[in-house]
Amino acid sequence: MEPVEINAGAWYLRALRADALMDDRPALADLGETDPGHVGRADADWLADARYTWAVCEPTTGELLAEIALRPDTAEISARARPGHDDAADAATAAVRRFAAALLEP
């Protein structure tokens, strides 16, 4: 599956990025994710339908506030937020839960 953007009220969810226009790696480092291959693996996981990962972003700047992931085989959702942004992660979790219910519905 290609990455899907999701509107989560005050935040939006998009695929992780590390390119000339947007680089999520510094914000991911705030989450403890220092592996430079993390964004590339997230892209590959989307295409393989192994794991769907989103950057939970502030809509005016696109800044990553949290990261959320869904394993489509188990419907397991995981989230981690930068300090002070648990509300963004909570809203994103609810939005991804709705996405998963629609996606995984028989």
PDB file of N, CA and C in Angstrom:
ATOM      1  N   MET A   1       0.844  -1.169   0.000  1.00  0.00           N
ATOM      2  CA  MET A   1       0.000   0.000   0.000  1.00  0.00           C
ATOM      3  C   MET A   1       0.894   1.239   0.000  1.00  0.00           C
ATOM      4  N   GLU A   2       0.463   2.257  -0.715  1.00  0.00           N
ATOM      5  CA  GLU A   2       1.136   3.547  -0.674  1.00  0.00           C
ATOM      6  C   GLU A   2       0.752   4.246   0.639  1.00  0.00           C
ATOM      7  N   PRO A   3       1.615   5.088   1.186  1.00  0.00           N
ATOM      8  CA  PRO A   3       1.267   5.807   2.419  1.00  0.00           C
ATOM      9  C   PRO A   3      -0.008   6.627   2.264  1.00  0.00           C
ATOM     10  N   VAL A   4      -0.795   6.642   3.317  1.00  0.00           N
ATOM     11  CA  VAL A   4      -2.077   7.336   3.369  1.00  0.00           C
ATOM     12  C   VAL A   4      -1.984   8.446   4.402  1.00  0.00           C
ATOM     13  N   GLU A   5      -2.404   9.646   4.031  1.00  0.00           N
ATOM     14  CA  GLU A   5      -2.474  10.741   5.001  1.00  0.00           C
ATOM     15  C   GLU A   5      -3.808  10.677   5.728  1.00  0.00           C
ATOM     16  N   ILE A   6      -3.799  11.062   7.000  1.00  0.00           N
ATOM     17  CA  ILE A   6      -5.004  11.027   7.831  1.00  0.00           C
ATOM     18  C   ILE A   6      -5.143  12.368   8.540  1.00  0.00           C
ATOM     19  N   ASN A   7      -6.344  12.901   8.555  1.00  0.00           N
ATOM     20  CA  ASN A   7      -6.646  14.105   9.326  1.00  0.00           C
ATOM     21  C   ASN A   7      -7.057  13.651  10.721  1.00  0.00           C
ATOM     22  N   ALA A   8      -6.360  14.155  11.730  1.00  0.00           N
ATOM     23  CA  ALA A   8      -6.667  13.792  13.120  1.00  0.00           C
ATOM     24  C   ALA A   8      -7.060  15.038  13.909  1.00  0.00           C
ATOM     25  N   GLY A   9      -7.977  15.813  13.367  1.00  0.00           N
ATOM     26  CA  GLY A   9      -8.428  17.018  14.048  1.00  0.00           C
ATOM     27  C   GLY A   9      -7.389  18.111  13.999  1.00  0.00           C
ATOM     28  N   ALA A  10      -6.777  18.420  15.128  1.00  0.00           N
ATOM     29  CA  ALA A  10      -5.791  19.499  15.201  1.00  0.00           C
ATOM     30  C   ALA A  10      -4.445  19.099  14.595  1.00  0.00           C
ATOM     31  N   TRP A  11      -4.264  17.833  14.238  1.00  0.00           N
ATOM     32  CA  TRP A  11      -3.005  17.350  13.685  1.00  0.00           C
ATOM     33  C   TRP A  11      -3.282  16.573  12.417  1.00  0.00           C
ATOM     34  N   TYR A  12      -2.251  16.394  11.629  1.00  0.00           N
ATOM     35  CA  TYR A  12      -2.402  15.513  10.475  1.00  0.00           C
ATOM     36  C   TYR A  12      -1.285  14.488  10.495  1.00  0.00           C
ATOM     37  N   LEU A  13      -1.584  13.353   9.902  1.00  0.00           N
ATOM     38  CA  LEU A  13      -0.654  12.235   9.860  1.00  0.00           C
ATOM     39  C   LEU A  13      -0.190  12.058   8.422  1.00  0.00           C
ATOM     40  N   ARG A  14       1.100  11.918   8.262  1.00  0.00           N
ATOM     41  CA  ARG A  14       1.688  11.709   6.941  1.00  0.00           C
ATOM     42  C   ARG A  14       2.835  10.714   7.075  1.00  0.00           C
ATOM     43  N   ALA A  15       3.317  10.227   5.942  1.00  0.00           N
ATOM     44  CA  ALA A  15       4.468   9.323   5.948  1.00  0.00           C
ATOM     45  C   ALA A  15       5.694  10.060   6.497  1.00  0.00           C
ATOM     46  N   LEU A  16       6.589   9.308   7.098  1.00  0.00           N
ATOM     47  CA  LEU A  16       7.855   9.876   7.548  1.00  0.00           C
ATOM     48  C   LEU A  16       8.645  10.358   6.337  1.00  0.00           C
ATOM     49  N   ARG A  17       9.440  11.402   6.536  1.00  0.00           N
ATOM     50  CA  ARG A  17      10.225  11.958   5.435  1.00  0.00           C
ATOM     51  C   ARG A  17      11.647  12.270   5.873  1.00  0.00           C
ATOM     52  N   ALA A  18      12.543  12.156   4.912  1.00  0.00           N
ATOM     53  CA  ALA A  18      13.942  12.569   5.079  1.00  0.00           C
ATOM     54  C   ALA A  18      14.430  12.959   3.689  1.00  0.00           C
ATOM     55  N   ASP A  19      14.016  14.148   3.252  1.00  0.00           N
ATOM     56  CA  ASP A  19      14.396  14.618   1.929  1.00  0.00           C
ATOM     57  C   ASP A  19      14.747  16.105   1.997  1.00  0.00           C
ATOM     58  N   ALA A  20      14.947  16.709   0.857  1.00  0.00           N
ATOM     59  CA  ALA A  20      15.375  18.114   0.823  1.00  0.00           C
ATOM     60  C   ALA A  20      14.317  19.070   1.367  1.00  0.00           C
ATOM     61  N   LEU A  21      13.047  18.698   1.309  1.00  0.00           N
ATOM     62  CA  LEU A  21      11.967  19.575   1.770  1.00  0.00           C
ATOM     63  C   LEU A  21      11.613  19.385   3.240  1.00  0.00           C
ATOM     64  N   MET A  22      11.734  18.155   3.733  1.00  0.00           N
ATOM     65  CA  MET A  22      11.330  17.849   5.114  1.00  0.00           C
ATOM     66  C   MET A  22      12.191  16.710   5.624  1.00  0.00           C
ATOM     67  N   ASP A  23      12.769  16.903   6.801  1.00  0.00           N
ATOM     68  CA  ASP A  23      13.599  15.861   7.409  1.00  0.00           C
ATOM     69  C   ASP A  23      13.110  15.615   8.824  1.00  0.00           C
ATOM     70  N   ASP A  24      12.471  14.469   9.024  1.00  0.00           N
ATOM     71  CA  ASP A  24      11.929  14.110  10.335  1.00  0.00           C
ATOM     72  C   ASP A  24      12.978  13.536  11.279  1.00  0.00           C
ATOM     73  N   ARG A  25      14.175  13.257  10.799  1.00  0.00           N
ATOM     74  CA  ARG A  25      15.163  12.574  11.638  1.00  0.00           C
ATOM     75  C   ARG A  25      15.539  13.334  12.912  1.00  0.00           C
ATOM     76  N   PRO A  26      15.692  14.672  12.911  1.00  0.00           N
ATOM     77  CA  PRO A  26      15.977  15.349  14.184  1.00  0.00           C
ATOM     78  C   PRO A  26      14.851  15.183  15.209  1.00  0.00           C
ATOM     79  N   ALA A  27      13.604  15.268  14.756  1.00  0.00           N
ATOM     80  CA  ALA A  27      12.480  15.078  15.679  1.00  0.00           C
ATOM     81  C   ALA A  27      12.401  13.628  16.141  1.00  0.00           C
ATOM     82  N   LEU A  28      12.697  12.694  15.241  1.00  0.00           N
ATOM     83  CA  LEU A  28      12.718  11.284  15.642  1.00  0.00           C
ATOM     84  C   LEU A  28      13.796  11.027  16.690  1.00  0.00           C
ATOM     85  N   ALA A  29      14.906  11.740  16.595  1.00  0.00           N
ATOM     86  CA  ALA A  29      15.959  11.603  17.601  1.00  0.00           C
ATOM     87  C   ALA A  29      15.448  12.022  18.979  1.00  0.00           C
ATOM     88  N   ASP A  30      14.544  13.014  19.015  1.00  0.00           N
ATOM     89  CA  ASP A  30      13.921  13.399  20.292  1.00  0.00           C
ATOM     90  C   ASP A  30      13.104  12.255  20.881  1.00  0.00           C
ATOM     91  N   LEU A  31      12.656  11.345  20.017  1.00  0.00           N
ATOM     92  CA  LEU A  31      11.900  10.175  20.465  1.00  0.00           C
ATOM     93  C   LEU A  31      12.818   9.012  20.819  1.00  0.00           C
ATOM     94  N   GLY A  32      14.120   9.206  20.607  1.00  0.00           N
ATOM     95  CA  GLY A  32      15.079   8.149  20.874  1.00  0.00           C
ATOM     96  C   GLY A  32      15.437   7.338  19.647  1.00  0.00           C
ATOM     97  N   GLU A  33      14.895   7.702  18.487  1.00  0.00           N
ATOM     98  CA  GLU A  33      15.149   6.973  17.248  1.00  0.00           C
ATOM     99  C   GLU A  33      16.325   7.615  16.519  1.00  0.00           C
ATOM    100  N   THR A  34      17.512   7.022  16.655  1.00  0.00           N
ATOM    101  CA  THR A  34      18.713   7.592  16.043  1.00  0.00           C
ATOM    102  C   THR A  34      19.209   6.788  14.850  1.00  0.00           C
ATOM    103  N   ASP A  35      18.511   5.734  14.500  1.00  0.00           N
ATOM    104  CA  ASP A  35      18.902   4.905  13.353  1.00  0.00           C
ATOM    105  C   ASP A  35      18.621   5.678  12.062  1.00  0.00           C
ATOM    106  N   PRO A  36      19.658   6.004  11.259  1.00  0.00           N
ATOM    107  CA  PRO A  36      19.440   6.774  10.044  1.00  0.00           C
ATOM    108  C   PRO A  36      18.606   6.035   8.991  1.00  0.00           C
ATOM    109  N   GLY A  37      18.477   4.716   9.103  1.00  0.00           N
ATOM    110  CA  GLY A  37      17.684   3.940   8.155  1.00  0.00           C
ATOM    111  C   GLY A  37      16.221   3.806   8.522  1.00  0.00           C
ATOM    112  N   HIS A  38      15.808   4.402   9.627  1.00  0.00           N
ATOM    113  CA  HIS A  38      14.429   4.243  10.112  1.00  0.00           C
ATOM    114  C   HIS A  38      13.400   4.730   9.089  1.00  0.00           C
ATOM    115  N   VAL A  39      13.612   5.890   8.500  1.00  0.00           N
ATOM    116  CA  VAL A  39      12.646   6.443   7.544  1.00  0.00           C
ATOM    117  C   VAL A  39      12.570   5.560   6.297  1.00  0.00           C
ATOM    118  N   GLY A  40      13.698   5.114   5.807  1.00  0.00           N
ATOM    119  CA  GLY A  40      13.705   4.236   4.634  1.00  0.00           C
ATOM    120  C   GLY A  40      13.004   2.918   4.887  1.00  0.00           C
ATOM    121  N   ARG A  41      13.211   2.342   6.063  1.00  0.00           N
ATOM    122  CA  ARG A  41      12.517   1.095   6.414  1.00  0.00           C
ATOM    123  C   ARG A  41      11.019   1.328   6.540  1.00  0.00           C
ATOM    124  N   ALA A  42      10.645   2.481   7.088  1.00  0.00           N
ATOM    125  CA  ALA A  42       9.214   2.788   7.208  1.00  0.00           C
ATOM    126  C   ALA A  42       8.575   2.840   5.824  1.00  0.00           C
ATOM    127  N   ASP A  43       9.256   3.446   4.859  1.00  0.00           N
ATOM    128  CA  ASP A  43       8.745   3.483   3.480  1.00  0.00           C
ATOM    129  C   ASP A  43       8.596   2.072   2.914  1.00  0.00           C
ATOM    130  N   ALA A  44       9.622   1.252   3.098  1.00  0.00           N
ATOM    131  CA  ALA A  44       9.585  -0.123   2.588  1.00  0.00           C
ATOM    132  C   ALA A  44       8.485  -0.932   3.266  1.00  0.00           C
ATOM    133  N   ASP A  45       8.287  -0.715   4.560  1.00  0.00           N
ATOM    134  CA  ASP A  45       7.231  -1.438   5.287  1.00  0.00           C
ATOM    135  C   ASP A  45       5.845  -1.086   4.761  1.00  0.00           C
ATOM    136  N   TRP A  46       5.626   0.190   4.407  1.00  0.00           N
ATOM    137  CA  TRP A  46       4.343   0.578   3.800  1.00  0.00           C
ATOM    138  C   TRP A  46       4.107  -0.245   2.528  1.00  0.00           C
ATOM    139  N   LEU A  47       5.099  -0.253   1.655  1.00  0.00           N
ATOM    140  CA  LEU A  47       4.945  -0.923   0.362  1.00  0.00           C
ATOM    141  C   LEU A  47       4.767  -2.427   0.511  1.00  0.00           C
ATOM    142  N   ALA A  48       5.335  -3.011   1.566  1.00  0.00           N
ATOM    143  CA  ALA A  48       5.224  -4.450   1.815  1.00  0.00           C
ATOM    144  C   ALA A  48       4.004  -4.798   2.660  1.00  0.00           C
ATOM    145  N   ASP A  49       3.221  -3.795   3.062  1.00  0.00           N
ATOM    146  CA  ASP A  49       2.070  -4.002   3.959  1.00  0.00           C
ATOM    147  C   ASP A  49       2.481  -4.697   5.251  1.00  0.00           C
ATOM    148  N   ALA A  50       3.672  -4.374   5.724  1.00  0.00           N
ATOM    149  CA  ALA A  50       4.179  -4.971   6.960  1.00  0.00           C
ATOM    150  C   ALA A  50       3.909  -4.086   8.171  1.00  0.00           C
ATOM    151  N   ARG A  51       4.038  -2.767   7.983  1.00  0.00           N
ATOM    152  CA  ARG A  51       3.855  -1.821   9.089  1.00  0.00           C
ATOM    153  C   ARG A  51       3.601  -0.458   8.471  1.00  0.00           C
ATOM    154  N   TYR A  52       2.576   0.215   8.953  1.00  0.00           N
ATOM    155  CA  TYR A  52       2.249   1.554   8.466  1.00  0.00           C
ATOM    156  C   TYR A  52       2.657   2.551   9.547  1.00  0.00           C
ATOM    157  N   THR A  53       3.542   3.466   9.204  1.00  0.00           N
ATOM    158  CA  THR A  53       4.079   4.422  10.165  1.00  0.00           C
ATOM    159  C   THR A  53       3.777   5.836   9.705  1.00  0.00           C
ATOM    160  N   TRP A  54       3.336   6.663  10.651  1.00  0.00           N
ATOM    161  CA  TRP A  54       3.005   8.056  10.348  1.00  0.00           C
ATOM    162  C   TRP A  54       3.777   9.004  11.253  1.00  0.00           C
ATOM    163  N   ALA A  55       4.084  10.161  10.702  1.00  0.00           N
ATOM    164  CA  ALA A  55       4.520  11.308  11.488  1.00  0.00           C
ATOM    165  C   ALA A  55       3.246  12.053  11.872  1.00  0.00           C
ATOM    166  N   VAL A  56       3.070  12.312  13.142  1.00  0.00           N
ATOM    167  CA  VAL A  56       1.937  13.106  13.623  1.00  0.00           C
ATOM    168  C   VAL A  56       2.436  14.544  13.662  1.00  0.00           C
ATOM    169  N   CYS A  57       1.835  15.401  12.844  1.00  0.00           N
ATOM    170  CA  CYS A  57       2.416  16.717  12.587  1.00  0.00           C
ATOM    171  C   CYS A  57       1.528  17.873  12.990  1.00  0.00           C
ATOM    172  N   GLU A  58       2.196  18.959  13.326  1.00  0.00           N
ATOM    173  CA  GLU A  58       1.558  20.250  13.525  1.00  0.00           C
ATOM    174  C   GLU A  58       1.221  20.747  12.115  1.00  0.00           C
ATOM    175  N   PRO A  59      -0.043  21.104  11.847  1.00  0.00           N
ATOM    176  CA  PRO A  59      -0.447  21.366  10.470  1.00  0.00           C
ATOM    177  C   PRO A  59       0.177  22.579   9.795  1.00  0.00           C
ATOM    178  N   THR A  60       0.555  23.608  10.528  1.00  0.00           N
ATOM    179  CA  THR A  60       1.087  24.793   9.853  1.00  0.00           C
ATOM    180  C   THR A  60       2.564  24.675   9.519  1.00  0.00           C
ATOM    181  N   THR A  61       3.309  23.881  10.282  1.00  0.00           N
ATOM    182  CA  THR A  61       4.740  23.756  10.035  1.00  0.00           C
ATOM    183  C   THR A  61       5.144  22.386   9.498  1.00  0.00           C
ATOM    184  N   GLY A  62       4.316  21.379   9.703  1.00  0.00           N
ATOM    185  CA  GLY A  62       4.668  20.020   9.314  1.00  0.00           C
ATOM    186  C   GLY A  62       5.628  19.354  10.274  1.00  0.00           C
ATOM    187  N   GLU A  63       5.904  20.006  11.409  1.00  0.00           N
ATOM    188  CA  GLU A  63       6.841  19.463  12.393  1.00  0.00           C
ATOM    189  C   GLU A  63       6.297  18.183  13.016  1.00  0.00           C
ATOM    190  N   LEU A  64       7.139  17.156  13.088  1.00  0.00           N
ATOM    191  CA  LEU A  64       6.775  15.890  13.700  1.00  0.00           C
ATOM    192  C   LEU A  64       6.685  16.064  15.213  1.00  0.00           C
ATOM    193  N   LEU A  65       5.513  15.770  15.766  1.00  0.00           N
ATOM    194  CA  LEU A  65       5.301  15.845  17.210  1.00  0.00           C
ATOM    195  C   LEU A  65       5.273  14.468  17.854  1.00  0.00           C
ATOM    196  N   ALA A  66       4.898  13.478  17.043  1.00  0.00           N
ATOM    197  CA  ALA A  66       4.801  12.104  17.532  1.00  0.00           C
ATOM    198  C   ALA A  66       4.924  11.172  16.333  1.00  0.00           C
ATOM    199  N   GLU A  67       5.118   9.910  16.634  1.00  0.00           N
ATOM    200  CA  GLU A  67       5.153   8.870  15.601  1.00  0.00           C
ATOM    201  C   GLU A  67       4.172   7.795  16.015  1.00  0.00           C
ATOM    202  N   ILE A  68       3.428   7.296  15.056  1.00  0.00           N
ATOM    203  CA  ILE A  68       2.462   6.242  15.333  1.00  0.00           C
ATOM    204  C   ILE A  68       2.608   5.171  14.271  1.00  0.00           C
ATOM    205  N   ALA A  69       2.408   3.922  14.655  1.00  0.00           N
ATOM    206  CA  ALA A  69       2.553   2.814  13.719  1.00  0.00           C
ATOM    207  C   ALA A  69       1.426   1.804  13.915  1.00  0.00           C
ATOM    208  N   LEU A  70       1.042   1.192  12.823  1.00  0.00           N
ATOM    209  CA  LEU A  70       0.006   0.159  12.807  1.00  0.00           C
ATOM    210  C   LEU A  70       0.571  -1.072  12.125  1.00  0.00           C
ATOM    211  N   ARG A  71       0.433  -2.205  12.779  1.00  0.00           N
ATOM    212  CA  ARG A  71       0.785  -3.482  12.151  1.00  0.00           C
ATOM    213  C   ARG A  71      -0.511  -4.056  11.579  1.00  0.00           C
ATOM    214  N   PRO A  72      -0.667  -4.087  10.254  1.00  0.00           N
ATOM    215  CA  PRO A  72      -1.931  -4.520   9.672  1.00  0.00           C
ATOM    216  C   PRO A  72      -2.258  -5.989   9.934  1.00  0.00           C
ATOM    217  N   ASP A  73      -1.244  -6.812  10.184  1.00  0.00           N
ATOM    218  CA  ASP A  73      -1.512  -8.234  10.429  1.00  0.00           C
ATOM    219  C   ASP A  73      -2.120  -8.488  11.803  1.00  0.00           C
ATOM    220  N   THR A  74      -1.873  -7.600  12.769  1.00  0.00           N
ATOM    221  CA  THR A  74      -2.381  -7.803  14.130  1.00  0.00           C
ATOM    222  C   THR A  74      -3.285  -6.674  14.613  1.00  0.00           C
ATOM    223  N   ALA A  75      -3.326  -5.559  13.864  1.00  0.00           N
ATOM    224  CA  ALA A  75      -4.051  -4.339  14.247  1.00  0.00           C
ATOM    225  C   ALA A  75      -3.442  -3.678  15.479  1.00  0.00           C
ATOM    226  N   GLU A  76      -2.207  -4.060  15.839  1.00  0.00           N
ATOM    227  CA  GLU A  76      -1.513  -3.439  16.970  1.00  0.00           C
ATOM    228  C   GLU A  76      -1.067  -2.029  16.596  1.00  0.00           C
ATOM    229  N   ILE A  77      -1.348  -1.081  17.489  1.00  0.00           N
ATOM    230  CA  ILE A  77      -0.977   0.313  17.292  1.00  0.00           C
ATOM    231  C   ILE A  77       0.025   0.699  18.370  1.00  0.00           C
ATOM    232  N   SER A  78       1.103   1.352  17.953  1.00  0.00           N
ATOM    233  CA  SER A  78       2.070   1.872  18.914  1.00  0.00           C
ATOM    234  C   SER A  78       2.272   3.350  18.631  1.00  0.00           C
ATOM    235  N   ALA A  79       2.551   4.105  19.689  1.00  0.00           N
ATOM    236  CA  ALA A  79       2.759   5.550  19.534  1.00  0.00           C
ATOM    237  C   ALA A  79       3.818   6.012  20.508  1.00  0.00           C
ATOM    238  N   ARG A  80       4.541   7.035  20.089  1.00  0.00           N
ATOM    239  CA  ARG A  80       5.489   7.698  20.977  1.00  0.00           C
ATOM    240  C   ARG A  80       5.487   9.177  20.608  1.00  0.00           C
ATOM    241  N   ALA A  81       5.549  10.008  21.647  1.00  0.00           N
ATOM    242  CA  ALA A  81       5.430  11.454  21.458  1.00  0.00           C
ATOM    243  C   ALA A  81       6.656  12.175  21.970  1.00  0.00           C
ATOM    244  N   ARG A  82       6.963  13.290  21.345  1.00  0.00           N
ATOM    245  CA  ARG A  82       7.995  14.181  21.864  1.00  0.00           C
ATOM    246  C   ARG A  82       7.466  14.795  23.153  1.00  0.00           C
ATOM    247  N   PRO A  83       8.347  15.224  24.045  1.00  0.00           N
ATOM    248  CA  PRO A  83       7.900  15.800  25.319  1.00  0.00           C
ATOM    249  C   PRO A  83       6.879  16.929  25.102  1.00  0.00           C
ATOM    250  N   GLY A  84       5.768  16.822  25.842  1.00  0.00           N
ATOM    251  CA  GLY A  84       4.723  17.832  25.779  1.00  0.00           C
ATOM    252  C   GLY A  84       3.696  17.620  24.683  1.00  0.00           C
ATOM    253  N   HIS A  85       3.791  16.501  23.949  1.00  0.00           N
ATOM    254  CA  HIS A  85       2.886  16.290  22.817  1.00  0.00           C
ATOM    255  C   HIS A  85       2.109  14.979  22.917  1.00  0.00           C
ATOM    256  N   ASP A  86       1.831  14.553  24.136  1.00  0.00           N
ATOM    257  CA  ASP A  86       1.033  13.338  24.315  1.00  0.00           C
ATOM    258  C   ASP A  86      -0.364  13.493  23.725  1.00  0.00           C
ATOM    259  N   ASP A  87      -0.915  14.719  23.741  1.00  0.00           N
ATOM    260  CA  ASP A  87      -2.248  14.945  23.176  1.00  0.00           C
ATOM    261  C   ASP A  87      -2.263  14.649  21.683  1.00  0.00           C
ATOM    262  N   ALA A  88      -1.205  14.987  20.971  1.00  0.00           N
ATOM    263  CA  ALA A  88      -1.122  14.688  19.539  1.00  0.00           C
ATOM    264  C   ALA A  88      -1.078  13.179  19.316  1.00  0.00           C
ATOM    265  N   ALA A  89      -0.301  12.470  20.119  1.00  0.00           N
ATOM    266  CA  ALA A  89      -0.216  11.018  20.002  1.00  0.00           C
ATOM    267  C   ALA A  89      -1.552  10.365  20.327  1.00  0.00           C
ATOM    268  N   ASP A  90      -2.260  10.870  21.326  1.00  0.00           N
ATOM    269  CA  ASP A  90      -3.563  10.301  21.685  1.00  0.00           C
ATOM    270  C   ASP A  90      -4.581  10.494  20.572  1.00  0.00           C
ATOM    271  N   ALA A  91      -4.630  11.692  19.990  1.00  0.00           N
ATOM    272  CA  ALA A  91      -5.558  11.955  18.888  1.00  0.00           C
ATOM    273  C   ALA A  91      -5.206  11.095  17.675  1.00  0.00           C
ATOM    274  N   ALA A  92      -3.924  10.949  17.402  1.00  0.00           N
ATOM    275  CA  ALA A  92      -3.487  10.136  16.271  1.00  0.00           C
ATOM    276  C   ALA A  92      -3.827   8.667  16.489  1.00  0.00           C
ATOM    277  N   THR A  93      -3.663   8.198  17.707  1.00  0.00           N
ATOM    278  CA  THR A  93      -4.005   6.801  18.004  1.00  0.00           C
ATOM    279  C   THR A  93      -5.474   6.542  17.718  1.00  0.00           C
ATOM    280  N   ALA A  94      -6.337   7.438  18.125  1.00  0.00           N
ATOM    281  CA  ALA A  94      -7.768   7.281  17.856  1.00  0.00           C
ATOM    282  C   ALA A  94      -8.047   7.287  16.354  1.00  0.00           C
ATOM    283  N   ALA A  95      -7.389   8.177  15.616  1.00  0.00           N
ATOM    284  CA  ALA A  95      -7.599   8.254  14.165  1.00  0.00           C
ATOM    285  C   ALA A  95      -7.093   6.988  13.471  1.00  0.00           C
ATOM    286  N   VAL A  96      -5.945   6.480  13.891  1.00  0.00           N
ATOM    287  CA  VAL A  96      -5.408   5.261  13.286  1.00  0.00           C
ATOM    288  C   VAL A  96      -6.262   4.059  13.669  1.00  0.00           C
ATOM    289  N   ARG A  97      -6.821   4.058  14.854  1.00  0.00           N
ATOM    290  CA  ARG A  97      -7.730   2.974  15.247  1.00  0.00           C
ATOM    291  C   ARG A  97      -8.932   2.932  14.302  1.00  0.00           C
ATOM    292  N   ARG A  98      -9.492   4.108  13.970  1.00  0.00           N
ATOM    293  CA  ARG A  98     -10.618   4.162  13.022  1.00  0.00           C
ATOM    294  C   ARG A  98     -10.166   3.712  11.628  1.00  0.00           C
ATOM    295  N   PHE A  99      -8.990   4.154  11.206  1.00  0.00           N
ATOM    296  CA  PHE A  99      -8.433   3.740   9.921  1.00  0.00           C
ATOM    297  C   PHE A  99      -8.290   2.217   9.873  1.00  0.00           C
ATOM    298  N   ALA A 100      -7.728   1.642  10.935  1.00  0.00           N
ATOM    299  CA  ALA A 100      -7.520   0.195  10.991  1.00  0.00           C
ATOM    300  C   ALA A 100      -8.843  -0.550  10.942  1.00  0.00           C
ATOM    301  N   ALA A 101      -9.844  -0.063  11.649  1.00  0.00           N
ATOM    302  CA  ALA A 101     -11.151  -0.723  11.646  1.00  0.00           C
ATOM    303  C   ALA A 101     -11.729  -0.759  10.234  1.00  0.00           C
ATOM    304  N   ALA A 102     -11.606   0.344   9.507  1.00  0.00           N
ATOM    305  CA  ALA A 102     -12.126   0.394   8.138  1.00  0.00           C
ATOM    306  C   ALA A 102     -11.281  -0.463   7.205  1.00  0.00           C
ATOM    307  N   LEU A 103      -9.964  -0.419   7.376  1.00  0.00           N
ATOM    308  CA  LEU A 103      -9.044  -1.153   6.499  1.00  0.00           C
ATOM    309  C   LEU A 103      -9.136  -2.651   6.717  1.00  0.00           C
ATOM    310  N   LEU A 104      -9.228  -3.064   7.959  1.00  0.00           N
ATOM    311  CA  LEU A 104      -9.149  -4.488   8.301  1.00  0.00           C
ATOM    312  C   LEU A 104     -10.521  -5.147   8.428  1.00  0.00           C
ATOM    313  N   GLU A 105     -11.571  -4.380   8.207  1.00  0.00           N
ATOM    314  CA  GLU A 105     -12.934  -4.920   8.299  1.00  0.00           C
ATOM    315  C   GLU A 105     -13.130  -5.965   7.216  1.00  0.00           C
ATOM    316  N   PRO A 106     -13.717  -7.118   7.569  1.00  0.00           N
ATOM    317  CA  PRO A 106     -13.911  -8.189   6.568  1.00  0.00           C
ATOM    318  C   PRO A 106     -14.907  -7.826   5.490  1.00  0.00           C
TER     319      PRO A 106
END
